[in-house]
Amino acid sequence: MGNPLFEQQTAADLEVEMLQDLLATREELERQLEQEHDLRERVRLRERLEDLHRALGEKKSELVEDPLVDEWEAEILAGRTPNFQAGRR
């Protein structure tokens, strides 16, 4: 037999609890991202954050950065020096 408190919860109660957990995780990932300086770790945190936003049914993270900067970061992660002049207007 299971826990009576758990068994008394409705599907709506469980969904609210899950959403609260996801929102708390989002806040923690955003805090970590703000404090992280390592580029590889920032990319990993942004990927986790994007996955979480999808789980919450959100189309895009508010933290999606400029595509040009994302391209530069990808170049750096690949061990290449990006052309910082490319794409400038």
PDB file of N, CA and C in Angstrom:
ATOM      1  N   MET A   1       0.844  -1.175   0.000  1.00  0.00           N
ATOM      2  CA  MET A   1       0.000   0.000   0.000  1.00  0.00           C
ATOM      3  C   MET A   1       0.892   1.242   0.000  1.00  0.00           C
ATOM      4  N   GLY A   2       0.482   2.260  -0.735  1.00  0.00           N
ATOM      5  CA  GLY A   2       1.263   3.479  -0.871  1.00  0.00           C
ATOM      6  C   GLY A   2       0.999   4.481   0.232  1.00  0.00           C
ATOM      7  N   ASN A   3       1.627   5.602   0.093  1.00  0.00           N
ATOM      8  CA  ASN A   3       1.471   6.691   1.041  1.00  0.00           C
ATOM      9  C   ASN A   3       0.077   7.295   0.881  1.00  0.00           C
ATOM     10  N   PRO A   4      -0.717   7.391   1.966  1.00  0.00           N
ATOM     11  CA  PRO A   4      -2.079   7.914   1.844  1.00  0.00           C
ATOM     12  C   PRO A   4      -2.124   9.375   1.374  1.00  0.00           C
ATOM     13  N   LEU A   5      -1.120  10.173   1.743  1.00  0.00           N
ATOM     14  CA  LEU A   5      -1.114  11.568   1.291  1.00  0.00           C
ATOM     15  C   LEU A   5      -0.942  11.642  -0.226  1.00  0.00           C
ATOM     16  N   PHE A   6      -0.088  10.772  -0.756  1.00  0.00           N
ATOM     17  CA  PHE A   6       0.109  10.733  -2.206  1.00  0.00           C
ATOM     18  C   PHE A   6      -1.154  10.232  -2.897  1.00  0.00           C
ATOM     19  N   GLU A   7      -1.763   9.197  -2.352  1.00  0.00           N
ATOM     20  CA  GLU A   7      -2.939   8.605  -2.967  1.00  0.00           C
ATOM     21  C   GLU A   7      -4.131   9.554  -2.971  1.00  0.00           C
ATOM     22  N   GLN A   8      -4.159  10.525  -2.076  1.00  0.00           N
ATOM     23  CA  GLN A   8      -5.264  11.483  -2.016  1.00  0.00           C
ATOM     24  C   GLN A   8      -5.102  12.624  -3.011  1.00  0.00           C
ATOM     25  N   GLN A   9      -3.922  12.763  -3.601  1.00  0.00           N
ATOM     26  CA  GLN A   9      -3.685  13.847  -4.549  1.00  0.00           C
ATOM     27  C   GLN A   9      -4.397  13.563  -5.870  1.00  0.00           C
ATOM     28  N   THR A  10      -4.968  14.609  -6.425  1.00  0.00           N
ATOM     29  CA  THR A  10      -5.602  14.485  -7.736  1.00  0.00           C
ATOM     30  C   THR A  10      -4.541  14.673  -8.821  1.00  0.00           C
ATOM     31  N   ALA A  11      -4.914  14.378 -10.060  1.00  0.00           N
ATOM     32  CA  ALA A  11      -4.003  14.600 -11.183  1.00  0.00           C
ATOM     33  C   ALA A  11      -3.621  16.074 -11.266  1.00  0.00           C
ATOM     34  N   ALA A  12      -4.570  16.953 -10.974  1.00  0.00           N
ATOM     35  CA  ALA A  12      -4.289  18.396 -11.001  1.00  0.00           C
ATOM     36  C   ALA A  12      -3.274  18.767  -9.928  1.00  0.00           C
ATOM     37  N   ASP A  13      -3.394  18.177  -8.741  1.00  0.00           N
ATOM     38  CA  ASP A  13      -2.426  18.438  -7.668  1.00  0.00           C
ATOM     39  C   ASP A  13      -1.020  18.027  -8.096  1.00  0.00           C
ATOM     40  N   LEU A  14      -0.933  16.851  -8.717  1.00  0.00           N
ATOM     41  CA  LEU A  14       0.363  16.356  -9.165  1.00  0.00           C
ATOM     42  C   LEU A  14       0.943  17.227 -10.271  1.00  0.00           C
ATOM     43  N   GLU A  15       0.095  17.714 -11.157  1.00  0.00           N
ATOM     44  CA  GLU A  15       0.588  18.584 -12.233  1.00  0.00           C
ATOM     45  C   GLU A  15       1.085  19.911 -11.682  1.00  0.00           C
ATOM     46  N   VAL A  16       0.375  20.472 -10.723  1.00  0.00           N
ATOM     47  CA  VAL A  16       0.816  21.721 -10.093  1.00  0.00           C
ATOM     48  C   VAL A  16       2.165  21.519  -9.417  1.00  0.00           C
ATOM     49  N   GLU A  17       2.312  20.397  -8.731  1.00  0.00           N
ATOM     50  CA  GLU A  17       3.588  20.103  -8.060  1.00  0.00           C
ATOM     51  C   GLU A  17       4.719  19.967  -9.078  1.00  0.00           C
ATOM     52  N   MET A  18       4.439  19.296 -10.197  1.00  0.00           N
ATOM     53  CA  MET A  18       5.455  19.143 -11.238  1.00  0.00           C
ATOM     54  C   MET A  18       5.850  20.514 -11.806  1.00  0.00           C
ATOM     55  N   LEU A  19       4.861  21.368 -12.069  1.00  0.00           N
ATOM     56  CA  LEU A  19       5.157  22.695 -12.610  1.00  0.00           C
ATOM     57  C   LEU A  19       5.955  23.531 -11.620  1.00  0.00           C
ATOM     58  N   GLN A  20       5.636  23.412 -10.349  1.00  0.00           N
ATOM     59  CA  GLN A  20       6.408  24.130  -9.334  1.00  0.00           C
ATOM     60  C   GLN A  20       7.857  23.669  -9.334  1.00  0.00           C
ATOM     61  N   ASP A  21       8.062  22.367  -9.462  1.00  0.00           N
ATOM     62  CA  ASP A  21       9.424  21.831  -9.521  1.00  0.00           C
ATOM     63  C   ASP A  21      10.160  22.346 -10.758  1.00  0.00           C
ATOM     64  N   LEU A  22       9.475  22.347 -11.915  1.00  0.00           N
ATOM     65  CA  LEU A  22      10.102  22.837 -13.143  1.00  0.00           C
ATOM     66  C   LEU A  22      10.457  24.319 -13.038  1.00  0.00           C
ATOM     67  N   LEU A  23       9.570  25.116 -12.455  1.00  0.00           N
ATOM     68  CA  LEU A  23       9.842  26.548 -12.298  1.00  0.00           C
ATOM     69  C   LEU A  23      11.005  26.790 -11.342  1.00  0.00           C
ATOM     70  N   ALA A  24      11.074  26.010 -10.286  1.00  0.00           N
ATOM     71  CA  ALA A  24      12.198  26.149  -9.341  1.00  0.00           C
ATOM     72  C   ALA A  24      13.510  25.766 -10.028  1.00  0.00           C
ATOM     73  N   THR A  25      13.461  24.715 -10.845  1.00  0.00           N
ATOM     74  CA  THR A  25      14.656  24.297 -11.582  1.00  0.00           C
ATOM     75  C   THR A  25      15.059  25.383 -12.575  1.00  0.00           C
ATOM     76  N   ARG A  26      14.083  26.002 -13.233  1.00  0.00           N
ATOM     77  CA  ARG A  26      14.389  27.077 -14.180  1.00  0.00           C
ATOM     78  C   ARG A  26      15.091  28.228 -13.474  1.00  0.00           C
ATOM     79  N   GLU A  27      14.584  28.621 -12.317  1.00  0.00           N
ATOM     80  CA  GLU A  27      15.216  29.710 -11.564  1.00  0.00           C
ATOM     81  C   GLU A  27      16.653  29.366 -11.201  1.00  0.00           C
ATOM     82  N   GLU A  28      16.881  28.115 -10.792  1.00  0.00           N
ATOM     83  CA  GLU A  28      18.230  27.690 -10.415  1.00  0.00           C
ATOM     84  C   GLU A  28      19.163  27.700 -11.626  1.00  0.00           C
ATOM     85  N   LEU A  29      18.694  27.203 -12.769  1.00  0.00           N
ATOM     86  CA  LEU A  29      19.522  27.205 -13.979  1.00  0.00           C
ATOM     87  C   LEU A  29      19.836  28.629 -14.420  1.00  0.00           C
ATOM     88  N   GLU A  30      18.869  29.526 -14.335  1.00  0.00           N
ATOM     89  CA  GLU A  30      19.106  30.922 -14.713  1.00  0.00           C
ATOM     90  C   GLU A  30      20.138  31.557 -13.790  1.00  0.00           C
ATOM     91  N   ARG A  31      20.060  31.237 -12.493  1.00  0.00           N
ATOM     92  CA  ARG A  31      21.034  31.771 -11.534  1.00  0.00           C
ATOM     93  C   ARG A  31      22.431  31.242 -11.859  1.00  0.00           C
ATOM     94  N   GLN A  32      22.529  29.950 -12.130  1.00  0.00           N
ATOM     95  CA  GLN A  32      23.824  29.355 -12.465  1.00  0.00           C
ATOM     96  C   GLN A  32      24.389  29.969 -13.743  1.00  0.00           C
ATOM     97  N   LEU A  33      23.534  30.191 -14.721  1.00  0.00           N
ATOM     98  CA  LEU A  33      23.972  30.755 -15.989  1.00  0.00           C
ATOM     99  C   LEU A  33      24.523  32.170 -15.804  1.00  0.00           C
ATOM    100  N   GLU A  34      23.878  32.948 -14.964  1.00  0.00           N
ATOM    101  CA  GLU A  34      24.351  34.309 -14.701  1.00  0.00           C
ATOM    102  C   GLU A  34      25.725  34.314 -14.055  1.00  0.00           C
ATOM    103  N   GLN A  35      26.011  33.310 -13.236  1.00  0.00           N
ATOM    104  CA  GLN A  35      27.257  33.285 -12.475  1.00  0.00           C
ATOM    105  C   GLN A  35      28.386  32.538 -13.180  1.00  0.00           C
ATOM    106  N   GLU A  36      28.046  31.757 -14.199  1.00  0.00           N
ATOM    107  CA  GLU A  36      29.038  30.901 -14.854  1.00  0.00           C
ATOM    108  C   GLU A  36      29.880  31.694 -15.844  1.00  0.00           C
ATOM    109  N   HIS A  37      31.188  31.475 -15.805  1.00  0.00           N
ATOM    110  CA  HIS A  37      32.094  32.155 -16.733  1.00  0.00           C
ATOM    111  C   HIS A  37      32.688  31.200 -17.770  1.00  0.00           C
ATOM    112  N   ASP A  38      32.676  29.904 -17.474  1.00  0.00           N
ATOM    113  CA  ASP A  38      33.222  28.917 -18.398  1.00  0.00           C
ATOM    114  C   ASP A  38      32.270  28.758 -19.587  1.00  0.00           C
ATOM    115  N   LEU A  39      32.796  28.958 -20.784  1.00  0.00           N
ATOM    116  CA  LEU A  39      31.967  28.948 -21.987  1.00  0.00           C
ATOM    117  C   LEU A  39      31.292  27.597 -22.213  1.00  0.00           C
ATOM    118  N   ARG A  40      32.027  26.517 -22.030  1.00  0.00           N
ATOM    119  CA  ARG A  40      31.421  25.191 -22.235  1.00  0.00           C
ATOM    120  C   ARG A  40      30.265  24.946 -21.267  1.00  0.00           C
ATOM    121  N   GLU A  41      30.480  25.329 -20.033  1.00  0.00           N
ATOM    122  CA  GLU A  41      29.430  25.148 -19.022  1.00  0.00           C
ATOM    123  C   GLU A  41      28.231  26.042 -19.324  1.00  0.00           C
ATOM    124  N   ARG A  42      28.474  27.268 -19.807  1.00  0.00           N
ATOM    125  CA  ARG A  42      27.364  28.163 -20.178  1.00  0.00           C
ATOM    126  C   ARG A  42      26.530  27.550 -21.299  1.00  0.00           C
ATOM    127  N   VAL A  43      27.197  26.948 -22.280  1.00  0.00           N
ATOM    128  CA  VAL A  43      26.475  26.308 -23.382  1.00  0.00           C
ATOM    129  C   VAL A  43      25.638  25.154 -22.833  1.00  0.00           C
ATOM    130  N   ARG A  44      26.233  24.338 -21.949  1.00  0.00           N
ATOM    131  CA  ARG A  44      25.514  23.211 -21.362  1.00  0.00           C
ATOM    132  C   ARG A  44      24.300  23.693 -20.559  1.00  0.00           C
ATOM    133  N   LEU A  45      24.476  24.751 -19.780  1.00  0.00           N
ATOM    134  CA  LEU A  45      23.372  25.293 -18.990  1.00  0.00           C
ATOM    135  C   LEU A  45      22.271  25.857 -19.884  1.00  0.00           C
ATOM    136  N   ARG A  46      22.662  26.538 -20.966  1.00  0.00           N
ATOM    137  CA  ARG A  46      21.646  27.081 -21.887  1.00  0.00           C
ATOM    138  C   ARG A  46      20.862  25.960 -22.553  1.00  0.00           C
ATOM    139  N   GLU A  47      21.540  24.863 -22.891  1.00  0.00           N
ATOM    140  CA  GLU A  47      20.841  23.723 -23.497  1.00  0.00           C
ATOM    141  C   GLU A  47      19.840  23.127 -22.513  1.00  0.00           C
ATOM    142  N   ARG A  48      20.257  22.973 -21.266  1.00  0.00           N
ATOM    143  CA  ARG A  48      19.334  22.454 -20.238  1.00  0.00           C
ATOM    144  C   ARG A  48      18.160  23.397 -20.046  1.00  0.00           C
ATOM    145  N   LEU A  49      18.439  24.692 -20.068  1.00  0.00           N
ATOM    146  CA  LEU A  49      17.382  25.682 -19.897  1.00  0.00           C
ATOM    147  C   LEU A  49      16.390  25.638 -21.056  1.00  0.00           C
ATOM    148  N   GLU A  50      16.898  25.484 -22.261  1.00  0.00           N
ATOM    149  CA  GLU A  50      16.013  25.366 -23.426  1.00  0.00           C
ATOM    150  C   GLU A  50      15.140  24.121 -23.326  1.00  0.00           C
ATOM    151  N   ASP A  51      15.721  23.001 -22.886  1.00  0.00           N
ATOM    152  CA  ASP A  51      14.939  21.775 -22.693  1.00  0.00           C
ATOM    153  C   ASP A  51      13.828  22.007 -21.673  1.00  0.00           C
ATOM    154  N   LEU A  52      14.169  22.707 -20.622  1.00  0.00           N
ATOM    155  CA  LEU A  52      13.190  22.995 -19.581  1.00  0.00           C
ATOM    156  C   LEU A  52      12.074  23.889 -20.106  1.00  0.00           C
ATOM    157  N   HIS A  53      12.423  24.888 -20.905  1.00  0.00           N
ATOM    158  CA  HIS A  53      11.403  25.764 -21.487  1.00  0.00           C
ATOM    159  C   HIS A  53      10.448  24.960 -22.369  1.00  0.00           C
ATOM    160  N   ARG A  54      10.998  24.009 -23.127  1.00  0.00           N
ATOM    161  CA  ARG A  54      10.127  23.152 -23.949  1.00  0.00           C
ATOM    162  C   ARG A  54       9.210  22.318 -23.064  1.00  0.00           C
ATOM    163  N   ALA A  55       9.737  21.796 -21.953  1.00  0.00           N
ATOM    164  CA  ALA A  55       8.924  21.001 -21.032  1.00  0.00           C
ATOM    165  C   ALA A  55       7.794  21.830 -20.438  1.00  0.00           C
ATOM    166  N   LEU A  56       8.048  23.124 -20.278  1.00  0.00           N
ATOM    167  CA  LEU A  56       7.016  24.023 -19.757  1.00  0.00           C
ATOM    168  C   LEU A  56       6.059  24.495 -20.855  1.00  0.00           C
ATOM    169  N   GLY A  57       6.317  24.088 -22.092  1.00  0.00           N
ATOM    170  CA  GLY A  57       5.443  24.481 -23.191  1.00  0.00           C
ATOM    171  C   GLY A  57       5.739  25.864 -23.726  1.00  0.00           C
ATOM    172  N   GLU A  58       6.894  26.394 -23.376  1.00  0.00           N
ATOM    173  CA  GLU A  58       7.276  27.714 -23.861  1.00  0.00           C
ATOM    174  C   GLU A  58       8.011  27.550 -25.175  1.00  0.00           C
ATOM    175  N   LYS A  59       7.804  28.493 -26.072  1.00  0.00           N
ATOM    176  CA  LYS A  59       8.412  28.371 -27.395  1.00  0.00           C
ATOM    177  C   LYS A  59       9.905  28.624 -27.375  1.00  0.00           C
ATOM    178  N   LYS A  60      10.338  29.658 -26.697  1.00  0.00           N
ATOM    179  CA  LYS A  60      11.766  29.994 -26.659  1.00  0.00           C
ATOM    180  C   LYS A  60      12.105  30.574 -25.303  1.00  0.00           C
ATOM    181  N   SER A  61      13.325  30.337 -24.925  1.00  0.00           N
ATOM    182  CA  SER A  61      13.828  30.904 -23.686  1.00  0.00           C
ATOM    183  C   SER A  61      14.031  32.402 -23.846  1.00  0.00           C
ATOM    184  N   GLU A  62      13.822  33.104 -22.759  1.00  0.00           N
ATOM    185  CA  GLU A  62      14.117  34.537 -22.781  1.00  0.00           C
ATOM    186  C   GLU A  62      15.617  34.775 -22.839  1.00  0.00           C
ATOM    187  N   LEU A  63      16.400  33.723 -22.605  1.00  0.00           N
ATOM    188  CA  LEU A  63      17.838  33.870 -22.564  1.00  0.00           C
ATOM    189  C   LEU A  63      18.504  33.565 -23.904  1.00  0.00           C
ATOM    190  N   VAL A  64      17.716  33.347 -24.937  1.00  0.00           N
ATOM    191  CA  VAL A  64      18.312  33.088 -26.240  1.00  0.00           C
ATOM    192  C   VAL A  64      19.074  34.339 -26.646  1.00  0.00           C
ATOM    193  N   GLU A  65      20.327  34.130 -26.961  1.00  0.00           N
ATOM    194  CA  GLU A  65      21.176  35.272 -27.260  1.00  0.00           C
ATOM    195  C   GLU A  65      21.230  35.539 -28.753  1.00  0.00           C
ATOM    196  N   ASP A  66      21.973  36.531 -29.107  1.00  0.00           N
ATOM    197  CA  ASP A  66      22.170  36.920 -30.485  1.00  0.00           C
ATOM    198  C   ASP A  66      22.754  35.752 -31.282  1.00  0.00           C
ATOM    199  N   PRO A  67      22.184  35.426 -32.447  1.00  0.00           N
ATOM    200  CA  PRO A  67      22.695  34.311 -33.240  1.00  0.00           C
ATOM    201  C   PRO A  67      24.166  34.473 -33.621  1.00  0.00           C
ATOM    202  N   LEU A  68      24.597  35.703 -33.840  1.00  0.00           N
ATOM    203  CA  LEU A  68      25.987  35.942 -34.193  1.00  0.00           C
ATOM    204  C   LEU A  68      26.904  35.571 -33.024  1.00  0.00           C
ATOM    205  N   VAL A  69      26.507  35.945 -31.825  1.00  0.00           N
ATOM    206  CA  VAL A  69      27.286  35.602 -30.636  1.00  0.00           C
ATOM    207  C   VAL A  69      27.280  34.090 -30.448  1.00  0.00           C
ATOM    208  N   ASP A  70      26.130  33.451 -30.687  1.00  0.00           N
ATOM    209  CA  ASP A  70      26.062  31.995 -30.604  1.00  0.00           C
ATOM    210  C   ASP A  70      27.036  31.352 -31.597  1.00  0.00           C
ATOM    211  N   GLU A  71      27.141  31.921 -32.790  1.00  0.00           N
ATOM    212  CA  GLU A  71      28.066  31.403 -33.803  1.00  0.00           C
ATOM    213  C   GLU A  71      29.510  31.553 -33.320  1.00  0.00           C
ATOM    214  N   TRP A  72      29.828  32.711 -32.745  1.00  0.00           N
ATOM    215  CA  TRP A  72      31.173  32.929 -32.214  1.00  0.00           C
ATOM    216  C   TRP A  72      31.485  31.907 -31.126  1.00  0.00           C
ATOM    217  N   GLU A  73      30.514  31.667 -30.230  1.00  0.00           N
ATOM    218  CA  GLU A  73      30.724  30.709 -29.154  1.00  0.00           C
ATOM    219  C   GLU A  73      30.979  29.311 -29.711  1.00  0.00           C
ATOM    220  N   ALA A  74      30.235  28.938 -30.740  1.00  0.00           N
ATOM    221  CA  ALA A  74      30.426  27.624 -31.359  1.00  0.00           C
ATOM    222  C   ALA A  74      31.830  27.510 -31.953  1.00  0.00           C
ATOM    223  N   GLU A  75      32.309  28.578 -32.577  1.00  0.00           N
ATOM    224  CA  GLU A  75      33.666  28.583 -33.137  1.00  0.00           C
ATOM    225  C   GLU A  75      34.701  28.401 -32.023  1.00  0.00           C
ATOM    226  N   ILE A  76      34.525  29.107 -30.944  1.00  0.00           N
ATOM    227  CA  ILE A  76      35.462  29.008 -29.820  1.00  0.00           C
ATOM    228  C   ILE A  76      35.444  27.600 -29.249  1.00  0.00           C
ATOM    229  N   LEU A  77      34.250  27.017 -29.082  1.00  0.00           N
ATOM    230  CA  LEU A  77      34.145  25.654 -28.565  1.00  0.00           C
ATOM    231  C   LEU A  77      34.822  24.647 -29.489  1.00  0.00           C
ATOM    232  N   ALA A  78      34.820  24.934 -30.790  1.00  0.00           N
ATOM    233  CA  ALA A  78      35.462  24.043 -31.760  1.00  0.00           C
ATOM    234  C   ALA A  78      36.970  24.269 -31.821  1.00  0.00           C
ATOM    235  N   GLY A  79      37.474  25.221 -31.029  1.00  0.00           N
ATOM    236  CA  GLY A  79      38.904  25.474 -30.992  1.00  0.00           C
ATOM    237  C   GLY A  79      39.390  26.440 -32.056  1.00  0.00           C
ATOM    238  N   ARG A  80      38.459  27.119 -32.706  1.00  0.00           N
ATOM    239  CA  ARG A  80      38.820  28.080 -33.748  1.00  0.00           C
ATOM    240  C   ARG A  80      38.620  29.507 -33.225  1.00  0.00           C
ATOM    241  N   THR A  81      39.343  30.429 -33.831  1.00  0.00           N
ATOM    242  CA  THR A  81      39.164  31.837 -33.504  1.00  0.00           C
ATOM    243  C   THR A  81      38.092  32.411 -34.426  1.00  0.00           C
ATOM    244  N   PRO A  82      37.001  32.904 -33.863  1.00  0.00           N
ATOM    245  CA  PRO A  82      35.939  33.435 -34.720  1.00  0.00           C
ATOM    246  C   PRO A  82      36.354  34.726 -35.395  1.00  0.00           C
ATOM    247  N   ASN A  83      35.723  35.012 -36.514  1.00  0.00           N
ATOM    248  CA  ASN A  83      35.922  36.272 -37.212  1.00  0.00           C
ATOM    249  C   ASN A  83      34.918  37.250 -36.601  1.00  0.00           C
ATOM    250  N   PHE A  84      35.406  38.075 -35.688  1.00  0.00           N
ATOM    251  CA  PHE A  84      34.521  38.998 -34.995  1.00  0.00           C
ATOM    252  C   PHE A  84      34.039  40.136 -35.875  1.00  0.00           C
ATOM    253  N   GLN A  85      34.637  40.279 -37.038  1.00  0.00           N
ATOM    254  CA  GLN A  85      34.205  41.329 -37.960  1.00  0.00           C
ATOM    255  C   GLN A  85      33.071  40.842 -38.878  1.00  0.00           C
ATOM    256  N   ALA A  86      32.942  39.542 -39.064  1.00  0.00           N
ATOM    257  CA  ALA A  86      31.912  39.006 -39.943  1.00  0.00           C
ATOM    258  C   ALA A  86      30.541  39.266 -39.346  1.00  0.00           C
ATOM    259  N   GLY A  87      29.622  39.643 -40.177  1.00  0.00           N
ATOM    260  CA  GLY A  87      28.244  39.861 -39.753  1.00  0.00           C
ATOM    261  C   GLY A  87      27.985  41.197 -39.091  1.00  0.00           C
ATOM    262  N   ARG A  88      28.995  42.033 -38.999  1.00  0.00           N
ATOM    263  CA  ARG A  88      28.785  43.368 -38.396  1.00  0.00           C
ATOM    264  C   ARG A  88      28.109  44.267 -39.402  1.00  0.00           C
ATOM    265  N   ARG A  89      27.254  45.088 -38.896  1.00  0.00           N
ATOM    266  CA  ARG A  89      26.515  46.000 -39.757  1.00  0.00           C
ATOM    267  C   ARG A  89      27.086  47.368 -39.690  1.00  0.00           C
TER     268      ARG A  89
END
